[in-house]
Amino acid sequence: MIGERIKDLREKLNMTQTALARRLGLSRSAVNAWEMGVSIPSVPYLLQLSELFRVSVDYLLGRSQREMVDISDLSCEEKQVIYSLLHCFSKRSAE
């Protein structure tokens, strides 16, 4: 599960395994091993991945299906735009 999540999130950022490995100070083969399910990231790498991908560790571990986005560094106006978009999408899915 975690390997699939890492691969999916990495690909959503159009990032190669090599680029992710460099960001984390690892070899590409270490990232590949995670994605193939041969090994799993240690806690420090889980925290780094969580920050990089802006998701919770629970999401990475498959304990939560909820994708979350950290908007804490946005201005009040930018947050309002996000909230408005979410409201529009939730109304559409309720129909």
PDB file of N, CA and C in Angstrom:
ATOM      1  N   MET A   1       0.812  -1.192   0.000  1.00  0.00           N
ATOM      2  CA  MET A   1       0.000   0.000   0.000  1.00  0.00           C
ATOM      3  C   MET A   1       0.861   1.265   0.000  1.00  0.00           C
ATOM      4  N   ILE A   2       1.846   1.323   0.900  1.00  0.00           N
ATOM      5  CA  ILE A   2       2.662   2.536   0.997  1.00  0.00           C
ATOM      6  C   ILE A   2       3.456   2.787  -0.286  1.00  0.00           C
ATOM      7  N   GLY A   3       3.944   1.713  -0.899  1.00  0.00           N
ATOM      8  CA  GLY A   3       4.687   1.869  -2.146  1.00  0.00           C
ATOM      9  C   GLY A   3       3.832   2.445  -3.249  1.00  0.00           C
ATOM     10  N   GLU A   4       2.589   1.999  -3.321  1.00  0.00           N
ATOM     11  CA  GLU A   4       1.653   2.534  -4.323  1.00  0.00           C
ATOM     12  C   GLU A   4       1.382   4.009  -4.076  1.00  0.00           C
ATOM     13  N   ARG A   5       1.221   4.368  -2.801  1.00  0.00           N
ATOM     14  CA  ARG A   5       0.959   5.775  -2.459  1.00  0.00           C
ATOM     15  C   ARG A   5       2.153   6.650  -2.820  1.00  0.00           C
ATOM     16  N   ILE A   6       3.345   6.189  -2.504  1.00  0.00           N
ATOM     17  CA  ILE A   6       4.542   6.973  -2.826  1.00  0.00           C
ATOM     18  C   ILE A   6       4.645   7.170  -4.331  1.00  0.00           C
ATOM     19  N   LYS A   7       4.466   6.098  -5.077  1.00  0.00           N
ATOM     20  CA  LYS A   7       4.554   6.194  -6.537  1.00  0.00           C
ATOM     21  C   LYS A   7       3.498   7.129  -7.089  1.00  0.00           C
ATOM     22  N   ASP A   8       2.269   7.000  -6.621  1.00  0.00           N
ATOM     23  CA  ASP A   8       1.181   7.849  -7.105  1.00  0.00           C
ATOM     24  C   ASP A   8       1.461   9.320  -6.805  1.00  0.00           C
ATOM     25  N   LEU A   9       1.860   9.618  -5.592  1.00  0.00           N
ATOM     26  CA  LEU A   9       2.129  11.005  -5.217  1.00  0.00           C
ATOM     27  C   LEU A   9       3.333  11.560  -5.967  1.00  0.00           C
ATOM     28  N   ARG A  10       4.349  10.735  -6.138  1.00  0.00           N
ATOM     29  CA  ARG A  10       5.541  11.156  -6.889  1.00  0.00           C
ATOM     30  C   ARG A  10       5.174  11.493  -8.326  1.00  0.00           C
ATOM     31  N   GLU A  11       4.372  10.630  -8.941  1.00  0.00           N
ATOM     32  CA  GLU A  11       3.977  10.845 -10.330  1.00  0.00           C
ATOM     33  C   GLU A  11       3.064  12.059 -10.474  1.00  0.00           C
ATOM     34  N   LYS A  12       2.233  12.326  -9.475  1.00  0.00           N
ATOM     35  CA  LYS A  12       1.378  13.514  -9.519  1.00  0.00           C
ATOM     36  C   LYS A  12       2.210  14.788  -9.554  1.00  0.00           C
ATOM     37  N   LEU A  13       3.405  14.735  -8.989  1.00  0.00           N
ATOM     38  CA  LEU A  13       4.311  15.878  -9.012  1.00  0.00           C
ATOM     39  C   LEU A  13       5.247  15.842 -10.220  1.00  0.00           C
ATOM     40  N   ASN A  14       5.017  14.880 -11.126  1.00  0.00           N
ATOM     41  CA  ASN A  14       5.887  14.697 -12.293  1.00  0.00           C
ATOM     42  C   ASN A  14       7.348  14.566 -11.870  1.00  0.00           C
ATOM     43  N   MET A  15       7.564  13.799 -10.808  1.00  0.00           N
ATOM     44  CA  MET A  15       8.898  13.610 -10.259  1.00  0.00           C
ATOM     45  C   MET A  15       9.370  12.185 -10.572  1.00  0.00           C
ATOM     46  N   THR A  16      10.596  12.064 -10.966  1.00  0.00           N
ATOM     47  CA  THR A  16      11.174  10.743 -11.209  1.00  0.00           C
ATOM     48  C   THR A  16      11.625  10.135  -9.884  1.00  0.00           C
ATOM     49  N   GLN A  17      11.885   8.840  -9.916  1.00  0.00           N
ATOM     50  CA  GLN A  17      12.446   8.190  -8.730  1.00  0.00           C
ATOM     51  C   GLN A  17      13.793   8.812  -8.377  1.00  0.00           C
ATOM     52  N   THR A  18      14.554   9.134  -9.384  1.00  0.00           N
ATOM     53  CA  THR A  18      15.870   9.738  -9.167  1.00  0.00           C
ATOM     54  C   THR A  18      15.740  11.092  -8.488  1.00  0.00           C
ATOM     55  N   ALA A  19      14.786  11.902  -8.939  1.00  0.00           N
ATOM     56  CA  ALA A  19      14.590  13.224  -8.342  1.00  0.00           C
ATOM     57  C   ALA A  19      14.142  13.104  -6.888  1.00  0.00           C
ATOM     58  N   LEU A  20      13.231  12.173  -6.618  1.00  0.00           N
ATOM     59  CA  LEU A  20      12.781  11.968  -5.238  1.00  0.00           C
ATOM     60  C   LEU A  20      13.947  11.494  -4.370  1.00  0.00           C
ATOM     61  N   ALA A  21      14.717  10.577  -4.888  1.00  0.00           N
ATOM     62  CA  ALA A  21      15.867  10.066  -4.140  1.00  0.00           C
ATOM     63  C   ALA A  21      16.834  11.192  -3.797  1.00  0.00           C
ATOM     64  N   ARG A  22      17.099  12.061  -4.747  1.00  0.00           N
ATOM     65  CA  ARG A  22      18.010  13.187  -4.495  1.00  0.00           C
ATOM     66  C   ARG A  22      17.461  14.102  -3.404  1.00  0.00           C
ATOM     67  N   ARG A  23      16.153  14.375  -3.448  1.00  0.00           N
ATOM     68  CA  ARG A  23      15.530  15.243  -2.433  1.00  0.00           C
ATOM     69  C   ARG A  23      15.689  14.663  -1.036  1.00  0.00           C
ATOM     70  N   LEU A  24      15.674  13.333  -0.961  1.00  0.00           N
ATOM     71  CA  LEU A  24      15.751  12.656   0.329  1.00  0.00           C
ATOM     72  C   LEU A  24      17.166  12.231   0.705  1.00  0.00           C
ATOM     73  N   GLY A  25      18.113  12.400  -0.216  1.00  0.00           N
ATOM     74  CA  GLY A  25      19.487  11.979   0.043  1.00  0.00           C
ATOM     75  C   GLY A  25      19.666  10.474   0.006  1.00  0.00           C
ATOM     76  N   LEU A  26      18.922   9.821  -0.895  1.00  0.00           N
ATOM     77  CA  LEU A  26      18.954   8.361  -1.034  1.00  0.00           C
ATOM     78  C   LEU A  26      19.355   7.967  -2.443  1.00  0.00           C
ATOM     79  N   SER A  27      19.485   6.681  -2.651  1.00  0.00           N
ATOM     80  CA  SER A  27      19.708   6.168  -4.001  1.00  0.00           C
ATOM     81  C   SER A  27      18.352   5.937  -4.673  1.00  0.00           C
ATOM     82  N   ARG A  28      18.356   5.934  -5.993  1.00  0.00           N
ATOM     83  CA  ARG A  28      17.132   5.661  -6.732  1.00  0.00           C
ATOM     84  C   ARG A  28      16.632   4.260  -6.421  1.00  0.00           C
ATOM     85  N   SER A  29      17.545   3.338  -6.201  1.00  0.00           N
ATOM     86  CA  SER A  29      17.138   1.962  -5.918  1.00  0.00           C
ATOM     87  C   SER A  29      16.387   1.855  -4.588  1.00  0.00           C
ATOM     88  N   ALA A  30      16.688   2.729  -3.632  1.00  0.00           N
ATOM     89  CA  ALA A  30      15.952   2.724  -2.362  1.00  0.00           C
ATOM     90  C   ALA A  30      14.502   3.140  -2.591  1.00  0.00           C
ATOM     91  N   VAL A  31      14.301   4.183  -3.394  1.00  0.00           N
ATOM     92  CA  VAL A  31      12.943   4.627  -3.725  1.00  0.00           C
ATOM     93  C   VAL A  31      12.223   3.539  -4.508  1.00  0.00           C
ATOM     94  N   ASN A  32      12.906   2.923  -5.450  1.00  0.00           N
ATOM     95  CA  ASN A  32      12.314   1.843  -6.228  1.00  0.00           C
ATOM     96  C   ASN A  32      11.899   0.681  -5.320  1.00  0.00           C
ATOM     97  N   ALA A  33      12.730   0.362  -4.335  1.00  0.00           N
ATOM     98  CA  ALA A  33      12.406  -0.726  -3.404  1.00  0.00           C
ATOM     99  C   ALA A  33      11.138  -0.406  -2.613  1.00  0.00           C
ATOM    100  N   TRP A  34      10.961   0.853  -2.208  1.00  0.00           N
ATOM    101  CA  TRP A  34       9.728   1.250  -1.527  1.00  0.00           C
ATOM    102  C   TRP A  34       8.523   1.039  -2.432  1.00  0.00           C
ATOM    103  N   GLU A  35       8.654   1.526  -3.667  1.00  0.00           N
ATOM    104  CA  GLU A  35       7.530   1.458  -4.598  1.00  0.00           C
ATOM    105  C   GLU A  35       7.194   0.030  -5.003  1.00  0.00           C
ATOM    106  N   MET A  36       8.184  -0.834  -5.010  1.00  0.00           N
ATOM    107  CA  MET A  36       7.961  -2.242  -5.361  1.00  0.00           C
ATOM    108  C   MET A  36       7.512  -3.075  -4.157  1.00  0.00           C
ATOM    109  N   GLY A  37       7.525  -2.489  -2.969  1.00  0.00           N
ATOM    110  CA  GLY A  37       7.119  -3.205  -1.768  1.00  0.00           C
ATOM    111  C   GLY A  37       8.190  -4.102  -1.188  1.00  0.00           C
ATOM    112  N   VAL A  38       9.423  -3.920  -1.636  1.00  0.00           N
ATOM    113  CA  VAL A  38      10.545  -4.722  -1.130  1.00  0.00           C
ATOM    114  C   VAL A  38      10.968  -4.241   0.249  1.00  0.00           C
ATOM    115  N   SER A  39      10.865  -2.939   0.474  1.00  0.00           N
ATOM    116  CA  SER A  39      11.178  -2.352   1.776  1.00  0.00           C
ATOM    117  C   SER A  39      10.219  -1.201   2.038  1.00  0.00           C
ATOM    118  N   ILE A  40      10.277  -0.675   3.250  1.00  0.00           N
ATOM    119  CA  ILE A  40       9.436   0.467   3.591  1.00  0.00           C
ATOM    120  C   ILE A  40      10.313   1.570   4.162  1.00  0.00           C
ATOM    121  N   PRO A  41       9.882   2.813   4.006  1.00  0.00           N
ATOM    122  CA  PRO A  41      10.681   3.922   4.541  1.00  0.00           C
ATOM    123  C   PRO A  41      10.705   3.915   6.065  1.00  0.00           C
ATOM    124  N   SER A  42      11.814   4.339   6.625  1.00  0.00           N
ATOM    125  CA  SER A  42      11.910   4.503   8.083  1.00  0.00           C
ATOM    126  C   SER A  42      11.086   5.724   8.490  1.00  0.00           C
ATOM    127  N   VAL A  43      10.868   5.866   9.776  1.00  0.00           N
ATOM    128  CA  VAL A  43      10.044   6.972  10.282  1.00  0.00           C
ATOM    129  C   VAL A  43      10.564   8.339   9.820  1.00  0.00           C
ATOM    130  N   PRO A  44      11.865   8.615   9.901  1.00  0.00           N
ATOM    131  CA  PRO A  44      12.319   9.927   9.422  1.00  0.00           C
ATOM    132  C   PRO A  44      11.985  10.171   7.946  1.00  0.00           C
ATOM    133  N   TYR A  45      12.072   9.130   7.120  1.00  0.00           N
ATOM    134  CA  TYR A  45      11.728   9.302   5.705  1.00  0.00           C
ATOM    135  C   TYR A  45      10.224   9.435   5.519  1.00  0.00           C
ATOM    136  N   LEU A  46       9.434   8.745   6.335  1.00  0.00           N
ATOM    137  CA  LEU A  46       7.977   8.924   6.274  1.00  0.00           C
ATOM    138  C   LEU A  46       7.614  10.380   6.556  1.00  0.00           C
ATOM    139  N   LEU A  47       8.266  10.963   7.539  1.00  0.00           N
ATOM    140  CA  LEU A  47       7.999  12.365   7.863  1.00  0.00           C
ATOM    141  C   LEU A  47       8.402  13.292   6.721  1.00  0.00           C
ATOM    142  N   GLN A  48       9.558  13.016   6.118  1.00  0.00           N
ATOM    143  CA  GLN A  48      10.003  13.832   4.980  1.00  0.00           C
ATOM    144  C   GLN A  48       9.060  13.688   3.793  1.00  0.00           C
ATOM    145  N   LEU A  49       8.620  12.453   3.522  1.00  0.00           N
ATOM    146  CA  LEU A  49       7.686  12.223   2.419  1.00  0.00           C
ATOM    147  C   LEU A  49       6.365  12.931   2.680  1.00  0.00           C
ATOM    148  N   SER A  50       5.893  12.874   3.917  1.00  0.00           N
ATOM    149  CA  SER A  50       4.654  13.532   4.296  1.00  0.00           C
ATOM    150  C   SER A  50       4.737  15.032   4.026  1.00  0.00           C
ATOM    151  N   GLU A  51       5.848  15.632   4.416  1.00  0.00           N
ATOM    152  CA  GLU A  51       6.035  17.068   4.183  1.00  0.00           C
ATOM    153  C   GLU A  51       6.172  17.379   2.697  1.00  0.00           C
ATOM    154  N   LEU A  52       6.946  16.590   2.003  1.00  0.00           N
ATOM    155  CA  LEU A  52       7.171  16.824   0.577  1.00  0.00           C
ATOM    156  C   LEU A  52       5.881  16.719  -0.224  1.00  0.00           C
ATOM    157  N   PHE A  53       5.106  15.671   0.041  1.00  0.00           N
ATOM    158  CA  PHE A  53       3.877  15.444  -0.709  1.00  0.00           C
ATOM    159  C   PHE A  53       2.669  16.167  -0.117  1.00  0.00           C
ATOM    160  N   ARG A  54       2.858  16.771   1.061  1.00  0.00           N
ATOM    161  CA  ARG A  54       1.800  17.508   1.746  1.00  0.00           C
ATOM    162  C   ARG A  54       0.591  16.618   2.038  1.00  0.00           C
ATOM    163  N   VAL A  55       0.886  15.434   2.558  1.00  0.00           N
ATOM    164  CA  VAL A  55      -0.149  14.499   2.987  1.00  0.00           C
ATOM    165  C   VAL A  55       0.204  14.021   4.391  1.00  0.00           C
ATOM    166  N   SER A  56      -0.754  13.412   5.058  1.00  0.00           N
ATOM    167  CA  SER A  56      -0.474  12.894   6.398  1.00  0.00           C
ATOM    168  C   SER A  56       0.298  11.579   6.307  1.00  0.00           C
ATOM    169  N   VAL A  57       0.993  11.255   7.370  1.00  0.00           N
ATOM    170  CA  VAL A  57       1.665   9.959   7.451  1.00  0.00           C
ATOM    171  C   VAL A  57       0.614   8.851   7.406  1.00  0.00           C
ATOM    172  N   ASP A  58      -0.536   9.075   8.031  1.00  0.00           N
ATOM    173  CA  ASP A  58      -1.627   8.090   7.975  1.00  0.00           C
ATOM    174  C   ASP A  58      -2.032   7.801   6.531  1.00  0.00           C
ATOM    175  N   TYR A  59      -2.074   8.828   5.702  1.00  0.00           N
ATOM    176  CA  TYR A  59      -2.411   8.613   4.286  1.00  0.00           C
ATOM    177  C   TYR A  59      -1.335   7.770   3.614  1.00  0.00           C
ATOM    178  N   LEU A  60      -0.075   8.090   3.852  1.00  0.00           N
ATOM    179  CA  LEU A  60       1.014   7.313   3.258  1.00  0.00           C
ATOM    180  C   LEU A  60       0.949   5.845   3.668  1.00  0.00           C
ATOM    181  N   LEU A  61       0.609   5.608   4.928  1.00  0.00           N
ATOM    182  CA  LEU A  61       0.565   4.242   5.450  1.00  0.00           C
ATOM    183  C   LEU A  61      -0.708   3.497   5.082  1.00  0.00           C
ATOM    184  N   GLY A  62      -1.657   4.181   4.447  1.00  0.00           N
ATOM    185  CA  GLY A  62      -2.906   3.528   4.067  1.00  0.00           C
ATOM    186  C   GLY A  62      -3.909   3.465   5.202  1.00  0.00           C
ATOM    187  N   ARG A  63      -3.642   4.173   6.291  1.00  0.00           N
ATOM    188  CA  ARG A  63      -4.566   4.187   7.428  1.00  0.00           C
ATOM    189  C   ARG A  63      -5.716   5.157   7.204  1.00  0.00           C
ATOM    190  N   SER A  64      -5.587   6.001   6.212  1.00  0.00           N
ATOM    191  CA  SER A  64      -6.622   6.974   5.889  1.00  0.00           C
ATOM    192  C   SER A  64      -6.743   7.074   4.377  1.00  0.00           C
ATOM    193  N   GLN A  65      -7.951   7.193   3.909  1.00  0.00           N
ATOM    194  CA  GLN A  65      -8.190   7.368   2.475  1.00  0.00           C
ATOM    195  C   GLN A  65      -8.319   8.841   2.119  1.00  0.00           C
ATOM    196  N   ARG A  66      -8.330   9.679   3.140  1.00  0.00           N
ATOM    197  CA  ARG A  66      -8.538  11.103   2.942  1.00  0.00           C
ATOM    198  C   ARG A  66      -7.250  11.782   2.509  1.00  0.00           C
ATOM    199  N   GLU A  67      -7.309  12.410   1.362  1.00  0.00           N
ATOM    200  CA  GLU A  67      -6.181  13.223   0.927  1.00  0.00           C
ATOM    201  C   GLU A  67      -6.371  14.603   1.531  1.00  0.00           C
ATOM    202  N   MET A  68      -5.317  15.148   2.068  1.00  0.00           N
ATOM    203  CA  MET A  68      -5.390  16.461   2.688  1.00  0.00           C
ATOM    204  C   MET A  68      -4.338  17.363   2.070  1.00  0.00           C
ATOM    205  N   VAL A  69      -4.663  18.633   2.032  1.00  0.00           N
ATOM    206  CA  VAL A  69      -3.740  19.624   1.513  1.00  0.00           C
ATOM    207  C   VAL A  69      -3.521  20.672   2.594  1.00  0.00           C
ATOM    208  N   ASP A  70      -2.290  20.978   2.868  1.00  0.00           N
ATOM    209  CA  ASP A  70      -1.950  21.986   3.868  1.00  0.00           C
ATOM    210  C   ASP A  70      -2.049  23.362   3.227  1.00  0.00           C
ATOM    211  N   ILE A  71      -2.983  24.159   3.720  1.00  0.00           N
ATOM    212  CA  ILE A  71      -3.153  25.514   3.194  1.00  0.00           C
ATOM    213  C   ILE A  71      -2.772  26.560   4.240  1.00  0.00           C
ATOM    214  N   SER A  72      -2.105  26.133   5.282  1.00  0.00           N
ATOM    215  CA  SER A  72      -1.785  27.044   6.385  1.00  0.00           C
ATOM    216  C   SER A  72      -0.880  28.203   5.975  1.00  0.00           C
ATOM    217  N   ASP A  73      -0.104  28.039   4.921  1.00  0.00           N
ATOM    218  CA  ASP A  73       0.787  29.125   4.509  1.00  0.00           C
ATOM    219  C   ASP A  73       0.149  30.074   3.492  1.00  0.00           C
ATOM    220  N   LEU A  74      -1.138  29.861   3.183  1.00  0.00           N
ATOM    221  CA  LEU A  74      -1.846  30.738   2.258  1.00  0.00           C
ATOM    222  C   LEU A  74      -2.433  31.935   2.997  1.00  0.00           C
ATOM    223  N   SER A  75      -2.676  32.999   2.242  1.00  0.00           N
ATOM    224  CA  SER A  75      -3.322  34.176   2.830  1.00  0.00           C
ATOM    225  C   SER A  75      -4.807  33.886   3.062  1.00  0.00           C
ATOM    226  N   CYS A  76      -5.462  34.743   3.817  1.00  0.00           N
ATOM    227  CA  CYS A  76      -6.904  34.576   4.072  1.00  0.00           C
ATOM    228  C   CYS A  76      -7.692  34.581   2.768  1.00  0.00           C
ATOM    229  N   GLU A  77      -7.312  35.445   1.846  1.00  0.00           N
ATOM    230  CA  GLU A  77      -8.003  35.530   0.558  1.00  0.00           C
ATOM    231  C   GLU A  77      -7.814  34.250  -0.249  1.00  0.00           C
ATOM    232  N   GLU A  78      -6.593  33.728  -0.254  1.00  0.00           N
ATOM    233  CA  GLU A  78      -6.320  32.488  -0.978  1.00  0.00           C
ATOM    234  C   GLU A  78      -7.082  31.318  -0.366  1.00  0.00           C
ATOM    235  N   LYS A  79      -7.141  31.279   0.957  1.00  0.00           N
ATOM    236  CA  LYS A  79      -7.901  30.226   1.626  1.00  0.00           C
ATOM    237  C   LYS A  79      -9.375  30.313   1.265  1.00  0.00           C
ATOM    238  N   GLN A  80      -9.907  31.521   1.180  1.00  0.00           N
ATOM    239  CA  GLN A  80     -11.316  31.692   0.835  1.00  0.00           C
ATOM    240  C   GLN A  80     -11.599  31.147  -0.561  1.00  0.00           C
ATOM    241  N   VAL A  81     -10.678  31.334  -1.488  1.00  0.00           N
ATOM    242  CA  VAL A  81     -10.847  30.787  -2.836  1.00  0.00           C
ATOM    243  C   VAL A  81     -10.910  29.257  -2.771  1.00  0.00           C
ATOM    244  N   ILE A  82     -10.038  28.660  -2.004  1.00  0.00           N
ATOM    245  CA  ILE A  82     -10.023  27.201  -1.850  1.00  0.00           C
ATOM    246  C   ILE A  82     -11.333  26.725  -1.245  1.00  0.00           C
ATOM    247  N   TYR A  83     -11.782  27.390  -0.178  1.00  0.00           N
ATOM    248  CA  TYR A  83     -13.040  27.004   0.466  1.00  0.00           C
ATOM    249  C   TYR A  83     -14.214  27.125  -0.496  1.00  0.00           C
ATOM    250  N   SER A  84     -14.214  28.169  -1.309  1.00  0.00           N
ATOM    251  CA  SER A  84     -15.290  28.355  -2.285  1.00  0.00           C
ATOM    252  C   SER A  84     -15.293  27.232  -3.322  1.00  0.00           C
ATOM    253  N   LEU A  85     -14.113  26.860  -3.786  1.00  0.00           N
ATOM    254  CA  LEU A  85     -14.013  25.757  -4.748  1.00  0.00           C
ATOM    255  C   LEU A  85     -14.500  24.445  -4.140  1.00  0.00           C
ATOM    256  N   LEU A  86     -14.091  24.183  -2.905  1.00  0.00           N
ATOM    257  CA  LEU A  86     -14.531  22.958  -2.236  1.00  0.00           C
ATOM    258  C   LEU A  86     -16.041  22.945  -2.069  1.00  0.00           C
ATOM    259  N   HIS A  87     -16.604  24.094  -1.745  1.00  0.00           N
ATOM    260  CA  HIS A  87     -18.054  24.193  -1.591  1.00  0.00           C
ATOM    261  C   HIS A  87     -18.752  23.888  -2.922  1.00  0.00           C
ATOM    262  N   CYS A  88     -18.225  24.424  -4.014  1.00  0.00           N
ATOM    263  CA  CYS A  88     -18.800  24.154  -5.342  1.00  0.00           C
ATOM    264  C   CYS A  88     -18.756  22.666  -5.668  1.00  0.00           C
ATOM    265  N   PHE A  89     -17.627  22.016  -5.389  1.00  0.00           N
ATOM    266  CA  PHE A  89     -17.503  20.592  -5.687  1.00  0.00           C
ATOM    267  C   PHE A  89     -18.412  19.753  -4.809  1.00  0.00           C
ATOM    268  N   SER A  90     -18.536  20.123  -3.534  1.00  0.00           N
ATOM    269  CA  SER A  90     -19.398  19.332  -2.645  1.00  0.00           C
ATOM    270  C   SER A  90     -20.872  19.483  -3.030  1.00  0.00           C
ATOM    271  N   LYS A  91     -21.280  20.641  -3.519  1.00  0.00           N
ATOM    272  CA  LYS A  91     -22.658  20.830  -3.992  1.00  0.00           C
ATOM    273  C   LYS A  91     -22.926  19.982  -5.234  1.00  0.00           C
ATOM    274  N   ARG A  92     -21.940  19.926  -6.125  1.00  0.00           N
ATOM    275  CA  ARG A  92     -22.094  19.170  -7.364  1.00  0.00           C
ATOM    276  C   ARG A  92     -22.199  17.664  -7.073  1.00  0.00           C
ATOM    277  N   SER A  93     -21.422  17.171  -6.111  1.00  0.00           N
ATOM    278  CA  SER A  93     -21.450  15.741  -5.820  1.00  0.00           C
ATOM    279  C   SER A  93     -22.729  15.337  -5.062  1.00  0.00           C
ATOM    280  N   ALA A  94     -23.374  16.312  -4.418  1.00  0.00           N
ATOM    281  CA  ALA A  94     -24.611  16.023  -3.697  1.00  0.00           C
ATOM    282  C   ALA A  94     -25.817  15.923  -4.640  1.00  0.00           C
ATOM    283  N   GLU A  95     -25.673  16.429  -5.848  1.00  0.00           N
ATOM    284  CA  GLU A  95     -26.790  16.408  -6.810  1.00  0.00           C
ATOM    285  C   GLU A  95     -26.994  15.057  -7.427  1.00  0.00           C
TER     286      GLU A  95
END
